[in-house]
Structure formats: structure tokens, C-alpha cells
Amino acid sequence: MAFKDMEDLRTKRDFALTSSDFAMLPDSPYPEVQKLAISLYRQELRDFPSKVDEDDLENAELPTSIL
């Protein structure tokens, strides 16, 4: 997935986080083990902007969704 700039990267990352919010609610359909995996995925998303090379946004890939 190519990103135009860091703002584009953060926008797409924020969408992925928002799309997985429901999975962390107390009444989500996921068992605790899967919620743990989802929380780790969400942490990867939050850390992603600080780990990406701003000079190589064309080759940057968001962490793979586990949902």
C-alpha cells in the first residue's frame, strides 16, 4: 500500500484502528485469547508511524489485520 505522505498514512492507520474498536468492547464476540491478539495488532498500528521510513512511503505496509 503506497501512502502519499505521513498524513495519509495516519489517516489510513486511524481507519484501521477505528474499524477494530468494536473488538475490544466487553460484549465483543471474540474470546479473550483473540482479544489479546487484536490488542497486539492495535498496538502495532499505533506504533506504525514511528517505525516507517518517511522516505520510503511507497513500500510501507500497514500491519495485517487479524479480523
N, C-alpha and C. Protein backbone atom coordinates (compact mmCIF):
# COMPACT_ATOMS: atom_id res chain seq x y z
N MET A 1 0.86 -1.18 0.00
CA MET A 1 0.00 0.00 0.00
C MET A 1 0.90 1.23 0.00
N ALA A 2 0.74 2.05 -0.95
CA ALA A 2 1.52 3.27 -1.02
C ALA A 2 0.79 4.39 -0.29
N PHE A 3 1.55 5.19 0.40
CA PHE A 3 0.99 6.36 1.09
C PHE A 3 1.54 7.61 0.42
N LYS A 4 0.69 8.64 0.31
CA LYS A 4 1.13 9.89 -0.30
C LYS A 4 2.08 10.65 0.61
N ASP A 5 1.76 10.65 1.89
CA ASP A 5 2.56 11.36 2.89
C ASP A 5 2.21 10.80 4.26
N MET A 6 2.81 11.34 5.31
CA MET A 6 2.57 10.82 6.65
C MET A 6 1.13 11.06 7.10
N GLU A 7 0.53 12.14 6.64
CA GLU A 7 -0.87 12.40 6.99
C GLU A 7 -1.77 11.31 6.40
N ASP A 8 -1.51 10.92 5.18
CA ASP A 8 -2.26 9.84 4.53
C ASP A 8 -2.05 8.53 5.30
N LEU A 9 -0.82 8.26 5.70
CA LEU A 9 -0.52 7.06 6.47
C LEU A 9 -1.32 7.06 7.77
N ARG A 10 -1.30 8.17 8.49
CA ARG A 10 -2.02 8.24 9.77
C ARG A 10 -3.53 8.12 9.57
N THR A 11 -4.04 8.69 8.50
CA THR A 11 -5.48 8.59 8.22
C THR A 11 -5.88 7.14 8.00
N LYS A 12 -5.10 6.41 7.22
CA LYS A 12 -5.40 5.00 6.97
C LYS A 12 -5.18 4.16 8.21
N ARG A 13 -4.17 4.48 8.98
CA ARG A 13 -3.93 3.78 10.25
C ARG A 13 -5.10 4.03 11.21
N ASP A 14 -5.55 5.29 11.30
CA ASP A 14 -6.66 5.62 12.19
C ASP A 14 -7.93 4.88 11.77
N PHE A 15 -8.15 4.73 10.48
CA PHE A 15 -9.31 3.98 10.00
C PHE A 15 -9.22 2.53 10.44
N ALA A 16 -8.04 1.94 10.35
CA ALA A 16 -7.86 0.54 10.78
C ALA A 16 -8.11 0.41 12.28
N LEU A 17 -7.65 1.38 13.06
CA LEU A 17 -7.91 1.35 14.50
C LEU A 17 -9.41 1.47 14.79
N THR A 18 -10.05 2.41 14.14
CA THR A 18 -11.49 2.61 14.35
C THR A 18 -12.26 1.37 13.94
N SER A 19 -11.83 0.73 12.87
CA SER A 19 -12.52 -0.47 12.38
C SER A 19 -12.39 -1.65 13.34
N SER A 20 -11.42 -1.60 14.22
CA SER A 20 -11.24 -2.69 15.17
C SER A 20 -11.66 -2.33 16.59
N ASP A 21 -12.17 -1.13 16.79
CA ASP A 21 -12.61 -0.70 18.13
C ASP A 21 -13.62 -1.67 18.74
N PHE A 22 -14.59 -2.11 17.94
CA PHE A 22 -15.66 -2.96 18.45
C PHE A 22 -15.13 -4.24 19.08
N ALA A 23 -14.01 -4.72 18.58
CA ALA A 23 -13.46 -6.00 19.05
C ALA A 23 -12.96 -5.91 20.49
N MET A 24 -12.72 -4.69 20.98
CA MET A 24 -12.20 -4.53 22.33
C MET A 24 -13.29 -4.23 23.36
N LEU A 25 -14.52 -4.11 22.91
CA LEU A 25 -15.63 -3.85 23.83
C LEU A 25 -15.89 -5.09 24.68
N PRO A 26 -16.39 -4.89 25.89
CA PRO A 26 -16.65 -6.02 26.78
C PRO A 26 -17.61 -7.07 26.18
N ASP A 27 -18.53 -6.63 25.33
CA ASP A 27 -19.51 -7.56 24.76
C ASP A 27 -19.15 -8.01 23.34
N SER A 28 -17.88 -7.85 22.95
CA SER A 28 -17.49 -8.30 21.61
C SER A 28 -17.59 -9.82 21.54
N PRO A 29 -17.75 -10.35 20.34
CA PRO A 29 -17.94 -11.80 20.20
C PRO A 29 -16.65 -12.62 20.30
N TYR A 30 -15.53 -11.97 20.52
CA TYR A 30 -14.25 -12.66 20.49
C TYR A 30 -13.86 -13.19 21.87
N PRO A 31 -13.27 -14.39 21.91
CA PRO A 31 -12.76 -14.91 23.18
C PRO A 31 -11.54 -14.09 23.64
N GLU A 32 -11.20 -14.21 24.90
CA GLU A 32 -10.11 -13.41 25.48
C GLU A 32 -8.78 -13.61 24.75
N VAL A 33 -8.48 -14.81 24.32
CA VAL A 33 -7.22 -15.07 23.61
C VAL A 33 -7.17 -14.27 22.31
N GLN A 34 -8.29 -14.23 21.59
CA GLN A 34 -8.32 -13.48 20.35
C GLN A 34 -8.30 -11.98 20.62
N LYS A 35 -8.93 -11.54 21.71
CA LYS A 35 -8.87 -10.12 22.08
C LYS A 35 -7.43 -9.70 22.36
N LEU A 36 -6.66 -10.60 22.96
CA LEU A 36 -5.25 -10.30 23.21
C LEU A 36 -4.51 -10.11 21.89
N ALA A 37 -4.74 -10.98 20.94
CA ALA A 37 -4.11 -10.86 19.62
C ALA A 37 -4.53 -9.56 18.94
N ILE A 38 -5.80 -9.22 19.06
CA ILE A 38 -6.31 -7.98 18.45
C ILE A 38 -5.67 -6.77 19.14
N SER A 39 -5.51 -6.82 20.44
CA SER A 39 -4.88 -5.69 21.14
C SER A 39 -3.42 -5.53 20.71
N LEU A 40 -2.74 -6.63 20.45
CA LEU A 40 -1.36 -6.55 19.95
C LEU A 40 -1.32 -5.95 18.54
N TYR A 41 -2.27 -6.35 17.71
CA TYR A 41 -2.39 -5.77 16.36
C TYR A 41 -2.63 -4.26 16.46
N ARG A 42 -3.52 -3.86 17.36
CA ARG A 42 -3.83 -2.44 17.53
C ARG A 42 -2.60 -1.67 18.02
N GLN A 43 -1.79 -2.29 18.87
CA GLN A 43 -0.56 -1.63 19.33
C GLN A 43 0.41 -1.46 18.16
N GLU A 44 0.49 -2.47 17.30
CA GLU A 44 1.33 -2.34 16.10
C GLU A 44 0.86 -1.17 15.25
N LEU A 45 -0.46 -1.01 15.12
CA LEU A 45 -0.99 0.11 14.35
C LEU A 45 -0.60 1.44 14.99
N ARG A 46 -0.72 1.54 16.31
CA ARG A 46 -0.36 2.79 16.99
C ARG A 46 1.12 3.11 16.83
N ASP A 47 1.97 2.08 16.84
CA ASP A 47 3.42 2.29 16.73
C ASP A 47 3.88 2.50 15.29
N PHE A 48 3.06 2.13 14.35
CA PHE A 48 3.45 2.12 12.94
C PHE A 48 4.06 3.43 12.44
N PRO A 49 3.45 4.60 12.68
CA PRO A 49 4.05 5.83 12.14
C PRO A 49 5.48 6.08 12.60
N SER A 50 5.80 5.67 13.81
CA SER A 50 7.17 5.91 14.30
C SER A 50 8.18 4.92 13.73
N LYS A 51 7.69 3.84 13.15
CA LYS A 51 8.59 2.81 12.61
C LYS A 51 8.80 2.89 11.10
N VAL A 52 7.96 3.66 10.43
CA VAL A 52 8.04 3.72 8.97
C VAL A 52 9.10 4.73 8.53
N ASP A 53 9.75 4.43 7.44
CA ASP A 53 10.74 5.33 6.83
C ASP A 53 9.98 6.34 5.97
N GLU A 54 10.00 7.58 6.38
CA GLU A 54 9.26 8.62 5.66
C GLU A 54 9.73 8.80 4.22
N ASP A 55 10.94 8.36 3.93
CA ASP A 55 11.47 8.48 2.57
C ASP A 55 11.08 7.29 1.69
N ASP A 56 10.40 6.31 2.27
CA ASP A 56 10.02 5.11 1.53
C ASP A 56 8.55 4.76 1.77
N LEU A 57 7.69 5.75 1.68
CA LEU A 57 6.26 5.54 1.94
C LEU A 57 5.60 4.67 0.88
N GLU A 58 6.18 4.60 -0.30
CA GLU A 58 5.60 3.76 -1.36
C GLU A 58 5.63 2.29 -0.99
N ASN A 59 6.59 1.88 -0.18
CA ASN A 59 6.73 0.47 0.17
C ASN A 59 6.23 0.15 1.58
N ALA A 60 5.71 1.13 2.28
CA ALA A 60 5.22 0.89 3.64
C ALA A 60 3.90 0.13 3.60
N GLU A 61 3.73 -0.78 4.53
CA GLU A 61 2.52 -1.59 4.62
C GLU A 61 1.99 -1.54 6.04
N LEU A 62 0.70 -1.27 6.16
CA LEU A 62 0.07 -1.35 7.47
C LEU A 62 0.17 -2.79 7.98
N PRO A 63 0.23 -2.96 9.29
CA PRO A 63 0.18 -4.32 9.82
C PRO A 63 -1.06 -5.04 9.32
N THR A 64 -0.94 -6.33 9.11
CA THR A 64 -2.04 -7.13 8.57
C THR A 64 -3.12 -7.32 9.62
N SER A 65 -4.34 -7.03 9.22
CA SER A 65 -5.48 -7.18 10.12
C SER A 65 -5.71 -8.65 10.44
N ILE A 66 -6.06 -8.91 11.68
CA ILE A 66 -6.38 -10.28 12.08
C ILE A 66 -7.88 -10.46 12.26
N LEU A 67 -8.64 -9.47 11.86
CA LEU A 67 -10.11 -9.56 11.97
C LEU A 67 -10.71 -10.09 10.69
